C-alpha atoms as a PDB file:
ATOM      1  CA  UNK A   1       0.328  -0.365  -0.023  1.00  0.00           C
ATOM      2  CA  UNK A   2       1.981   2.742  -1.342  1.00  0.00           C
ATOM      3  CA  UNK A   3      -0.618   5.689  -1.511  1.00  0.00           C
ATOM      4  CA  UNK A   4      -0.227   7.673   0.852  1.00  0.00           C
ATOM      5  CA  UNK A   5      -3.756   8.934   2.032  1.00  0.00           C
ATOM      6  CA  UNK A   6      -4.249   5.039   1.965  1.00  0.00           C
ATOM      7  CA  UNK A   7      -1.841   4.976   4.890  1.00  0.00           C
ATOM      8  CA  UNK A   8      -3.148   7.309   6.544  1.00  0.00           C
ATOM      9  CA  UNK A   9      -6.553   5.941   7.143  1.00  0.00           C
ATOM     10  CA  UNK A  10      -4.866   3.200   8.469  1.00  0.00           C
ATOM     11  CA  UNK A  11      -2.504   5.330  10.462  1.00  0.00           C
ATOM     12  CA  UNK A  12      -4.845   6.861  12.156  1.00  0.00           C
ATOM     13  CA  UNK A  13      -7.549   3.816  12.585  1.00  0.00           C
ATOM     14  CA  UNK A  14      -4.722   1.931  14.143  1.00  0.00           C
ATOM     15  CA  UNK A  15      -4.435   4.732  16.602  1.00  0.00           C
ATOM     16  CA  UNK A  16      -8.245   4.861  16.960  1.00  0.00           C
ATOM     17  CA  UNK A  17      -8.199   1.616  17.471  1.00  0.00           C
ATOM     18  CA  UNK A  18      -5.518   1.713  20.246  1.00  0.00           C
ATOM     19  CA  UNK A  19      -7.381   4.383  22.265  1.00  0.00           C
ATOM     20  CA  UNK A  20     -10.321   3.018  22.360  1.00  0.00           C
ATOM     21  CA  UNK A  21      -8.401  -0.154  24.226  1.00  0.00           C
ATOM     22  CA  UNK A  22      -6.625   2.211  25.905  1.00  0.00           C
ATOM     23  CA  UNK A  23     -10.515   3.803  26.919  1.00  0.00           C
ATOM     24  CA  UNK A  24     -12.248   0.898  27.782  1.00  0.00           C
ATOM     25  CA  UNK A  25      -9.015   0.032  30.021  1.00  0.00           C
ATOM     26  CA  UNK A  26      -9.428   3.322  31.708  1.00  0.00           C
ATOM     27  CA  UNK A  27      -6.442   4.793  30.296  1.00  0.00           C
ATOM     28  CA  UNK A  28      -7.526   7.021  28.233  1.00  0.00           C
ATOM     29  CA  UNK A  29     -10.414   9.990  28.073  1.00  0.00           C
ATOM     30  CA  UNK A  30     -13.492   9.351  25.893  1.00  0.00           C
ATOM     31  CA  UNK A  31     -12.885  12.535  24.508  1.00  0.00           C
ATOM     32  CA  UNK A  32      -9.580  12.153  22.780  1.00  0.00           C
ATOM     33  CA  UNK A  33     -10.867   8.388  21.804  1.00  0.00           C
ATOM     34  CA  UNK A  34     -14.255  10.084  19.613  1.00  0.00           C
ATOM     35  CA  UNK A  35     -11.772  13.268  18.626  1.00  0.00           C
ATOM     36  CA  UNK A  36      -9.771  10.542  17.059  1.00  0.00           C
ATOM     37  CA  UNK A  37     -12.510   8.693  15.561  1.00  0.00           C
ATOM     38  CA  UNK A  38     -13.618  11.440  14.015  1.00  0.00           C
ATOM     39  CA  UNK A  39     -10.006  12.371  12.011  1.00  0.00           C
ATOM     40  CA  UNK A  40     -10.249   8.550  11.021  1.00  0.00           C
ATOM     41  CA  UNK A  41     -13.778   9.742   9.318  1.00  0.00           C
ATOM     42  CA  UNK A  42     -12.893  12.706   7.675  1.00  0.00           C
ATOM     43  CA  UNK A  43      -9.226  11.211   6.056  1.00  0.00           C
ATOM     44  CA  UNK A  44     -11.519   8.255   5.668  1.00  0.00           C
ATOM     45  CA  UNK A  45     -13.973  10.970   3.122  1.00  0.00           C
ATOM     46  CA  UNK A  46     -11.302  12.655   1.534  1.00  0.00           C
ATOM     47  CA  UNK A  47      -9.912   9.727   0.295  1.00  0.00           C
ATOM     48  CA  UNK A  48     -13.386   8.377  -1.170  1.00  0.00           C
ATOM     49  CA  UNK A  49     -13.980  12.250  -2.371  1.00  0.00           C
ATOM     50  CA  UNK A  50     -10.572  11.863  -4.373  1.00  0.00           C
ATOM     51  CA  UNK A  51     -11.312   8.071  -5.751  1.00  0.00           C
ATOM     52  CA  UNK A  52     -14.255   9.523  -7.045  1.00  0.00           C
ATOM     53  CA  UNK A  53     -12.664  12.088  -8.631  1.00  0.00           C
ATOM     54  CA  UNK A  54      -9.947  10.298 -10.435  1.00  0.00           C
ATOM     55  CA  UNK A  55     -12.316   7.550 -11.734  1.00  0.00           C
ATOM     56  CA  UNK A  56     -14.494  10.783 -13.370  1.00  0.00           C
ATOM     57  CA  UNK A  57     -11.026  12.217 -14.734  1.00  0.00           C
ATOM     58  CA  UNK A  58     -10.160   9.217 -16.787  1.00  0.00           C
ATOM     59  CA  UNK A  59     -14.022   8.638 -18.279  1.00  0.00           C
ATOM     60  CA  UNK A  60     -13.980  12.346 -18.782  1.00  0.00           C
ATOM     61  CA  UNK A  61     -10.174  11.644 -20.765  1.00  0.00           C
ATOM     62  CA  UNK A  62     -11.507   8.073 -22.204  1.00  0.00           C
ATOM     63  CA  UNK A  63     -14.365   9.960 -23.362  1.00  0.00           C
ATOM     64  CA  UNK A  64     -12.137  13.104 -25.134  1.00  0.00           C
ATOM     65  CA  UNK A  65     -10.312  10.484 -26.622  1.00  0.00           C
ATOM     66  CA  UNK A  66     -13.263   9.338 -28.369  1.00  0.00           C
ATOM     67  CA  UNK A  67     -14.216   6.644 -26.454  1.00  0.00           C
ATOM     68  CA  UNK A  68     -17.184   5.061 -25.282  1.00  0.00           C
ATOM     69  CA  UNK A  69     -19.656   3.412 -23.194  1.00  0.00           C
ATOM     70  CA  UNK A  70     -19.981   0.932 -25.027  1.00  0.00           C
ATOM     71  CA  UNK A  71     -16.577  -1.915 -26.618  1.00  0.00           C
END
């Protein structure tokens, strides 16, 4: 997984999971867990948006070069 955006999502997800485990053990405040989870969701949303835009651009390029929806 070389994509920096995907690596960021993975790193934040792991951090959120570790904080959640710590919170369940009473070692971490719930607010910290919720904050990191919010960051994970925001980063996942940004990644999804970027992926959608990339796909749209590929379709537009294909159409601009004379491609069609049918083979």
